[in-house]
Amino acid sequence: MALIGAVALVVIGPEKLPRVARTVGALLGKAQRYVADVKAEVNRSMDLEELKKMRETVEDAARNVENSIQTSASDFEKSWTDATDAALEPEFPSYKHPNKNWRLKQGAMPHWYKARNGVRTRALSGAARVARFRPPRVR
């Protein structure tokens, strides 16, 4: 290095040497950054290849598990149908609630109880309510 520096001082001269040294330093820095970028790209591609291989192994394992589940499910379905065909239980009609009419609203209190105890079963208008509770006329 010292020999190269001495030759550069003689050939270039002391006035231009600092500027040339800066230019050479900048070029060396760019070259080092370029080499580092290439190394990083190569490492990324190697990691990508490893990830692809790992993904393929995981996909193969998932396919194997899926196939084993499908075969066991089909075996289970076959045994289930065999067992249910052998049982042949009688079918009962679906449950239908008696006296179910969606047009009528049934209250919890029976009408006979309401009538006996004086519970109001119909809404009164304002005029009817006033007339009901108005004191009787005296003649």
N, C-alpha and C. Protein backbone atom coordinates (compact mmCIF):
# COMPACT_ATOMS: atom_id res chain seq x y z
N MET A 1 0.83 -1.20 0.00
CA MET A 1 0.00 0.00 0.00
C MET A 1 0.87 1.26 0.00
N ALA A 2 1.90 1.22 0.81
CA ALA A 2 2.79 2.39 0.87
C ALA A 2 3.46 2.61 -0.47
N LEU A 3 3.87 1.56 -1.15
CA LEU A 3 4.52 1.68 -2.46
C LEU A 3 3.55 2.27 -3.48
N ILE A 4 2.30 1.82 -3.46
CA ILE A 4 1.30 2.36 -4.39
C ILE A 4 1.05 3.83 -4.07
N GLY A 5 0.97 4.19 -2.79
CA GLY A 5 0.78 5.58 -2.40
C GLY A 5 1.93 6.45 -2.85
N ALA A 6 3.18 5.99 -2.75
CA ALA A 6 4.34 6.77 -3.17
C ALA A 6 4.34 6.95 -4.68
N VAL A 7 4.01 5.90 -5.45
CA VAL A 7 3.97 6.02 -6.91
C VAL A 7 2.85 6.98 -7.31
N ALA A 8 1.68 6.91 -6.65
CA ALA A 8 0.58 7.82 -6.97
C ALA A 8 0.96 9.25 -6.67
N LEU A 9 1.71 9.50 -5.59
CA LEU A 9 2.12 10.86 -5.25
C LEU A 9 3.05 11.41 -6.32
N VAL A 10 3.93 10.57 -6.83
CA VAL A 10 4.88 11.03 -7.86
C VAL A 10 4.15 11.24 -9.19
N VAL A 11 3.28 10.29 -9.57
CA VAL A 11 2.65 10.36 -10.89
C VAL A 11 1.56 11.44 -10.92
N ILE A 12 0.69 11.46 -9.93
CA ILE A 12 -0.44 12.38 -9.96
C ILE A 12 -0.04 13.76 -9.47
N GLY A 13 0.72 13.80 -8.45
CA GLY A 13 1.12 15.09 -7.90
C GLY A 13 0.35 15.39 -6.63
N PRO A 14 0.93 16.22 -5.77
CA PRO A 14 0.31 16.50 -4.48
C PRO A 14 -0.97 17.33 -4.58
N GLU A 15 -1.16 18.09 -5.68
CA GLU A 15 -2.36 18.92 -5.79
C GLU A 15 -3.60 18.08 -6.12
N LYS A 16 -3.49 17.12 -7.02
CA LYS A 16 -4.63 16.33 -7.46
C LYS A 16 -4.84 15.07 -6.62
N LEU A 17 -3.89 14.71 -5.79
CA LEU A 17 -3.98 13.45 -5.04
C LEU A 17 -5.18 13.38 -4.09
N PRO A 18 -5.54 14.44 -3.33
CA PRO A 18 -6.71 14.33 -2.45
C PRO A 18 -8.02 14.08 -3.23
N ARG A 19 -8.16 14.77 -4.38
CA ARG A 19 -9.37 14.60 -5.17
C ARG A 19 -9.44 13.19 -5.76
N VAL A 20 -8.33 12.67 -6.24
CA VAL A 20 -8.29 11.32 -6.80
C VAL A 20 -8.55 10.29 -5.70
N ALA A 21 -7.99 10.55 -4.50
CA ALA A 21 -8.21 9.62 -3.38
C ALA A 21 -9.69 9.58 -3.00
N ARG A 22 -10.36 10.74 -2.99
CA ARG A 22 -11.79 10.77 -2.70
C ARG A 22 -12.58 10.01 -3.76
N THR A 23 -12.23 10.20 -5.02
CA THR A 23 -12.93 9.51 -6.11
C THR A 23 -12.72 8.00 -6.00
N VAL A 24 -11.48 7.60 -5.75
CA VAL A 24 -11.19 6.16 -5.61
C VAL A 24 -11.92 5.59 -4.39
N GLY A 25 -11.98 6.33 -3.30
CA GLY A 25 -12.71 5.88 -2.11
C GLY A 25 -14.20 5.72 -2.38
N ALA A 26 -14.78 6.69 -3.10
CA ALA A 26 -16.20 6.62 -3.43
C ALA A 26 -16.48 5.41 -4.33
N LEU A 27 -15.61 5.18 -5.32
CA LEU A 27 -15.80 4.03 -6.21
C LEU A 27 -15.66 2.72 -5.44
N LEU A 28 -14.69 2.65 -4.53
CA LEU A 28 -14.54 1.44 -3.72
C LEU A 28 -15.76 1.21 -2.83
N GLY A 29 -16.32 2.29 -2.27
CA GLY A 29 -17.53 2.17 -1.45
C GLY A 29 -18.70 1.65 -2.27
N LYS A 30 -18.89 2.18 -3.50
CA LYS A 30 -19.96 1.71 -4.37
C LYS A 30 -19.76 0.23 -4.71
N ALA A 31 -18.51 -0.15 -4.97
CA ALA A 31 -18.23 -1.55 -5.31
C ALA A 31 -18.55 -2.45 -4.11
N GLN A 32 -18.18 -2.03 -2.92
CA GLN A 32 -18.46 -2.83 -1.73
C GLN A 32 -19.98 -2.96 -1.50
N ARG A 33 -20.73 -1.86 -1.69
CA ARG A 33 -22.19 -1.93 -1.55
C ARG A 33 -22.80 -2.86 -2.59
N TYR A 34 -22.27 -2.82 -3.84
CA TYR A 34 -22.78 -3.69 -4.88
C TYR A 34 -22.52 -5.15 -4.54
N VAL A 35 -21.33 -5.45 -4.05
CA VAL A 35 -21.00 -6.83 -3.66
C VAL A 35 -21.89 -7.28 -2.50
N ALA A 36 -22.13 -6.39 -1.54
CA ALA A 36 -22.99 -6.74 -0.41
C ALA A 36 -24.43 -7.00 -0.89
N ASP A 37 -24.92 -6.19 -1.85
CA ASP A 37 -26.27 -6.41 -2.39
C ASP A 37 -26.36 -7.75 -3.12
N VAL A 38 -25.33 -8.08 -3.88
CA VAL A 38 -25.32 -9.36 -4.59
C VAL A 38 -25.31 -10.51 -3.59
N LYS A 39 -24.52 -10.40 -2.54
CA LYS A 39 -24.48 -11.45 -1.51
C LYS A 39 -25.85 -11.60 -0.84
N ALA A 40 -26.51 -10.48 -0.53
CA ALA A 40 -27.82 -10.53 0.12
C ALA A 40 -28.85 -11.18 -0.82
N GLU A 41 -28.78 -10.85 -2.11
CA GLU A 41 -29.71 -11.44 -3.08
C GLU A 41 -29.49 -12.94 -3.18
N VAL A 42 -28.24 -13.38 -3.18
CA VAL A 42 -27.94 -14.81 -3.24
C VAL A 42 -28.46 -15.50 -1.98
N ASN A 43 -28.27 -14.89 -0.82
CA ASN A 43 -28.76 -15.46 0.43
C ASN A 43 -30.28 -15.54 0.43
N ARG A 44 -30.94 -14.49 -0.08
CA ARG A 44 -32.40 -14.51 -0.16
C ARG A 44 -32.90 -15.62 -1.08
N SER A 45 -32.23 -15.80 -2.21
CA SER A 45 -32.66 -16.86 -3.13
C SER A 45 -32.44 -18.23 -2.51
N MET A 46 -31.34 -18.40 -1.75
CA MET A 46 -31.10 -19.68 -1.08
C MET A 46 -32.18 -19.91 -0.01
N ASP A 47 -32.52 -18.87 0.75
CA ASP A 47 -33.58 -18.99 1.76
C ASP A 47 -34.92 -19.31 1.10
N LEU A 48 -35.18 -18.68 -0.06
CA LEU A 48 -36.42 -18.93 -0.77
C LEU A 48 -36.50 -20.39 -1.23
N GLU A 49 -35.38 -20.91 -1.71
CA GLU A 49 -35.36 -22.33 -2.12
C GLU A 49 -35.63 -23.24 -0.92
N GLU A 50 -35.03 -22.91 0.23
CA GLU A 50 -35.26 -23.71 1.44
C GLU A 50 -36.74 -23.63 1.86
N LEU A 51 -37.32 -22.43 1.77
CA LEU A 51 -38.73 -22.27 2.12
C LEU A 51 -39.64 -23.04 1.16
N LYS A 52 -39.28 -23.06 -0.13
CA LYS A 52 -40.07 -23.82 -1.09
C LYS A 52 -40.02 -25.31 -0.77
N LYS A 53 -38.83 -25.79 -0.44
CA LYS A 53 -38.70 -27.21 -0.07
C LYS A 53 -39.53 -27.51 1.18
N MET A 54 -39.46 -26.62 2.17
CA MET A 54 -40.20 -26.81 3.41
C MET A 54 -41.71 -26.78 3.13
N ARG A 55 -42.15 -25.86 2.28
CA ARG A 55 -43.56 -25.79 1.93
C ARG A 55 -44.03 -27.07 1.24
N GLU A 56 -43.21 -27.60 0.35
CA GLU A 56 -43.57 -28.84 -0.33
C GLU A 56 -43.70 -30.00 0.66
N THR A 57 -42.80 -30.06 1.64
CA THR A 57 -42.91 -31.15 2.62
C THR A 57 -44.16 -30.99 3.47
N VAL A 58 -44.49 -29.75 3.85
CA VAL A 58 -45.70 -29.52 4.65
C VAL A 58 -46.95 -29.85 3.82
N GLU A 59 -46.97 -29.47 2.54
CA GLU A 59 -48.11 -29.78 1.69
C GLU A 59 -48.27 -31.30 1.52
N ASP A 60 -47.15 -32.01 1.36
CA ASP A 60 -47.22 -33.47 1.25
C ASP A 60 -47.80 -34.08 2.52
N ALA A 61 -47.35 -33.58 3.67
CA ALA A 61 -47.86 -34.10 4.94
C ALA A 61 -49.36 -33.80 5.07
N ALA A 62 -49.78 -32.61 4.66
CA ALA A 62 -51.20 -32.25 4.74
C ALA A 62 -52.03 -33.15 3.81
N ARG A 63 -51.51 -33.42 2.60
CA ARG A 63 -52.23 -34.32 1.69
C ARG A 63 -52.36 -35.72 2.29
N ASN A 64 -51.29 -36.19 2.91
CA ASN A 64 -51.33 -37.52 3.53
C ASN A 64 -52.37 -37.57 4.64
N VAL A 65 -52.41 -36.53 5.47
CA VAL A 65 -53.39 -36.48 6.56
C VAL A 65 -54.80 -36.41 6.00
N GLU A 66 -55.00 -35.60 4.96
CA GLU A 66 -56.32 -35.48 4.35
C GLU A 66 -56.78 -36.81 3.77
N ASN A 67 -55.88 -37.51 3.09
CA ASN A 67 -56.25 -38.80 2.52
C ASN A 67 -56.60 -39.81 3.61
N SER A 68 -55.82 -39.81 4.70
CA SER A 68 -56.12 -40.76 5.78
C SER A 68 -57.46 -40.42 6.44
N ILE A 69 -57.76 -39.13 6.58
CA ILE A 69 -59.05 -38.73 7.18
C ILE A 69 -60.20 -39.13 6.26
N GLN A 70 -60.02 -38.95 4.95
CA GLN A 70 -61.08 -39.32 4.01
C GLN A 70 -61.34 -40.82 4.02
N THR A 71 -60.28 -41.60 4.08
CA THR A 71 -60.49 -43.05 4.09
C THR A 71 -61.16 -43.48 5.39
N SER A 72 -60.75 -42.89 6.52
CA SER A 72 -61.38 -43.27 7.78
C SER A 72 -62.82 -42.78 7.83
N ALA A 73 -63.10 -41.60 7.23
CA ALA A 73 -64.47 -41.08 7.20
C ALA A 73 -65.35 -41.97 6.33
N SER A 74 -64.83 -42.42 5.21
CA SER A 74 -65.64 -43.28 4.35
C SER A 74 -65.89 -44.63 5.04
N ASP A 75 -64.90 -45.15 5.77
CA ASP A 75 -65.11 -46.38 6.54
C ASP A 75 -66.17 -46.16 7.61
N PHE A 76 -66.12 -45.04 8.28
CA PHE A 76 -67.10 -44.73 9.32
C PHE A 76 -68.49 -44.60 8.73
N GLU A 77 -68.61 -43.90 7.59
CA GLU A 77 -69.92 -43.75 6.96
C GLU A 77 -70.48 -45.10 6.55
N LYS A 78 -69.64 -45.96 6.03
CA LYS A 78 -70.10 -47.28 5.62
C LYS A 78 -70.59 -48.07 6.83
N SER A 79 -69.82 -48.08 7.92
CA SER A 79 -70.25 -48.79 9.12
C SER A 79 -71.50 -48.16 9.71
N TRP A 80 -71.63 -46.84 9.63
CA TRP A 80 -72.81 -46.15 10.16
C TRP A 80 -74.06 -46.55 9.37
N THR A 81 -73.95 -46.53 8.05
CA THR A 81 -75.11 -46.91 7.24
C THR A 81 -75.47 -48.37 7.47
N ASP A 82 -74.47 -49.23 7.64
CA ASP A 82 -74.76 -50.64 7.94
C ASP A 82 -75.50 -50.76 9.26
N ALA A 83 -75.05 -50.01 10.28
CA ALA A 83 -75.67 -50.09 11.60
C ALA A 83 -77.08 -49.51 11.59
N THR A 84 -77.30 -48.41 10.90
CA THR A 84 -78.62 -47.79 10.89
C THR A 84 -79.60 -48.59 10.03
N ASP A 85 -79.11 -49.21 8.97
CA ASP A 85 -80.00 -50.05 8.15
C ASP A 85 -80.44 -51.28 8.93
N ALA A 86 -79.56 -51.79 9.79
CA ALA A 86 -79.89 -52.98 10.57
C ALA A 86 -80.93 -52.65 11.65
N ALA A 87 -80.91 -51.44 12.18
CA ALA A 87 -81.81 -51.10 13.30
C ALA A 87 -83.25 -50.94 12.82
N LEU A 88 -83.49 -50.23 11.75
CA LEU A 88 -84.82 -49.97 11.19
C LEU A 88 -85.85 -49.60 12.26
N GLU A 89 -85.65 -48.46 12.85
CA GLU A 89 -86.58 -47.97 13.87
C GLU A 89 -87.82 -47.40 13.19
N PRO A 90 -88.99 -47.52 13.84
CA PRO A 90 -90.21 -46.95 13.22
C PRO A 90 -90.15 -45.43 13.26
N GLU A 91 -90.74 -44.81 12.25
CA GLU A 91 -90.75 -43.35 12.19
C GLU A 91 -92.03 -42.82 12.84
N PHE A 92 -91.89 -41.79 13.62
CA PHE A 92 -93.02 -41.15 14.27
C PHE A 92 -93.30 -39.84 13.56
N PRO A 93 -94.57 -39.42 13.50
CA PRO A 93 -94.86 -38.13 12.85
C PRO A 93 -94.29 -36.99 13.68
N SER A 94 -94.03 -35.89 13.02
CA SER A 94 -93.47 -34.74 13.73
C SER A 94 -94.51 -34.17 14.70
N TYR A 95 -94.03 -33.57 15.77
CA TYR A 95 -94.90 -33.03 16.82
C TYR A 95 -95.63 -31.80 16.33
N LYS A 96 -96.93 -31.75 16.56
CA LYS A 96 -97.73 -30.58 16.23
C LYS A 96 -98.49 -30.18 17.49
N HIS A 97 -98.29 -28.96 17.91
CA HIS A 97 -98.92 -28.47 19.12
C HIS A 97 -100.43 -28.38 18.91
N PRO A 98 -101.23 -28.88 19.85
CA PRO A 98 -102.68 -28.80 19.69
C PRO A 98 -103.17 -27.37 19.88
N ASN A 99 -104.26 -27.04 19.21
CA ASN A 99 -104.90 -25.72 19.30
C ASN A 99 -103.94 -24.59 18.94
N LYS A 100 -103.06 -24.85 18.01
CA LYS A 100 -102.11 -23.81 17.62
C LYS A 100 -102.69 -23.07 16.42
N ASN A 101 -103.13 -21.85 16.66
CA ASN A 101 -103.65 -21.01 15.59
C ASN A 101 -102.89 -19.69 15.65
N TRP A 102 -102.13 -19.40 14.63
CA TRP A 102 -101.26 -18.23 14.67
C TRP A 102 -102.05 -16.93 14.62
N ARG A 103 -103.32 -16.98 14.23
CA ARG A 103 -104.12 -15.75 14.18
C ARG A 103 -104.61 -15.33 15.56
N LEU A 104 -104.74 -16.28 16.48
CA LEU A 104 -105.27 -15.97 17.80
C LEU A 104 -104.16 -15.87 18.80
N LYS A 105 -104.18 -14.80 19.60
CA LYS A 105 -103.19 -14.65 20.65
C LYS A 105 -103.82 -15.18 21.93
N GLN A 106 -103.21 -16.19 22.49
CA GLN A 106 -103.74 -16.80 23.72
C GLN A 106 -103.05 -16.14 24.91
N GLY A 107 -103.85 -15.69 25.85
CA GLY A 107 -103.28 -15.13 27.07
C GLY A 107 -102.98 -16.23 28.08
N ALA A 108 -102.26 -15.89 29.11
CA ALA A 108 -101.92 -16.88 30.12
C ALA A 108 -103.09 -17.10 31.08
N MET A 109 -104.00 -16.12 31.19
CA MET A 109 -105.12 -16.22 32.13
C MET A 109 -106.39 -16.62 31.36
N PRO A 110 -107.13 -17.63 31.80
CA PRO A 110 -108.33 -18.05 31.07
C PRO A 110 -109.43 -16.99 31.14
N HIS A 111 -110.28 -16.99 30.11
CA HIS A 111 -111.36 -15.99 30.03
C HIS A 111 -112.36 -16.13 31.17
N TRP A 112 -112.69 -17.35 31.60
CA TRP A 112 -113.65 -17.51 32.69
C TRP A 112 -113.15 -16.88 33.98
N TYR A 113 -111.81 -16.92 34.21
CA TYR A 113 -111.23 -16.31 35.40
C TYR A 113 -111.33 -14.79 35.31
N LYS A 114 -111.06 -14.27 34.13
CA LYS A 114 -111.14 -12.83 33.94
C LYS A 114 -112.57 -12.34 34.14
N ALA A 115 -113.54 -13.08 33.60
CA ALA A 115 -114.94 -12.67 33.73
C ALA A 115 -115.39 -12.72 35.19
N ARG A 116 -114.98 -13.73 35.92
CA ARG A 116 -115.39 -13.88 37.32
C ARG A 116 -114.79 -12.78 38.19
N ASN A 117 -113.56 -12.40 37.94
CA ASN A 117 -112.88 -11.44 38.80
C ASN A 117 -112.90 -10.01 38.27
N GLY A 118 -113.56 -9.77 37.16
CA GLY A 118 -113.71 -8.40 36.66
C GLY A 118 -112.46 -7.86 36.00
N VAL A 119 -111.67 -8.72 35.41
CA VAL A 119 -110.47 -8.24 34.70
C VAL A 119 -110.90 -7.75 33.33
N ARG A 120 -110.39 -6.60 32.93
CA ARG A 120 -110.76 -6.04 31.63
C ARG A 120 -110.22 -6.92 30.51
N THR A 121 -111.06 -7.29 29.56
CA THR A 121 -110.63 -8.10 28.43
C THR A 121 -110.59 -7.31 27.15
N ARG A 122 -111.23 -6.16 27.12
CA ARG A 122 -111.24 -5.33 25.92
C ARG A 122 -110.83 -3.91 26.28
N ALA A 123 -110.20 -3.25 25.33
CA ALA A 123 -109.79 -1.86 25.55
C ALA A 123 -110.98 -0.95 25.35
N LEU A 124 -111.09 0.06 26.22
CA LEU A 124 -112.19 1.02 26.11
C LEU A 124 -111.67 2.31 25.51
N SER A 125 -112.49 2.97 24.74
CA SER A 125 -112.12 4.28 24.23
C SER A 125 -112.20 5.28 25.38
N GLY A 126 -111.70 6.47 25.14
CA GLY A 126 -111.72 7.48 26.19
C GLY A 126 -113.14 7.87 26.58
N ALA A 127 -114.02 8.03 25.61
CA ALA A 127 -115.41 8.42 25.90
C ALA A 127 -116.13 7.31 26.66
N ALA A 128 -115.89 6.06 26.28
CA ALA A 128 -116.53 4.93 26.97
C ALA A 128 -116.04 4.84 28.41
N ARG A 129 -114.77 5.12 28.64
CA ARG A 129 -114.23 5.05 29.99
C ARG A 129 -114.84 6.15 30.86
N VAL A 130 -115.00 7.35 30.31
CA VAL A 130 -115.62 8.45 31.05
C VAL A 130 -117.06 8.11 31.37
N ALA A 131 -117.78 7.57 30.39
CA ALA A 131 -119.17 7.21 30.61
C ALA A 131 -119.30 6.10 31.65
N ARG A 132 -118.38 5.20 31.69
CA ARG A 132 -118.45 4.08 32.65
C ARG A 132 -118.28 4.55 34.08
N PHE A 133 -117.35 5.46 34.28
CA PHE A 133 -117.06 5.90 35.63
C PHE A 133 -117.78 7.19 36.04
N ARG A 134 -118.65 7.74 35.18
CA ARG A 134 -119.42 8.94 35.50
C ARG A 134 -120.46 8.55 36.56
N PRO A 135 -120.66 9.37 37.56
CA PRO A 135 -121.68 9.05 38.56
C PRO A 135 -123.07 9.07 37.91
N PRO A 136 -123.94 8.25 38.42
CA PRO A 136 -125.29 8.21 37.81
C PRO A 136 -126.02 9.53 38.01
N ARG A 137 -126.93 9.83 37.08
CA ARG A 137 -127.71 11.07 37.16
C ARG A 137 -128.80 10.95 38.18
N VAL A 138 -129.03 11.99 38.85
CA VAL A 138 -130.12 12.00 39.82
C VAL A 138 -131.26 12.83 39.21
N ARG A 139 -132.53 12.31 39.22
CA ARG A 139 -133.64 13.04 38.64
C ARG A 139 -134.51 13.62 39.66
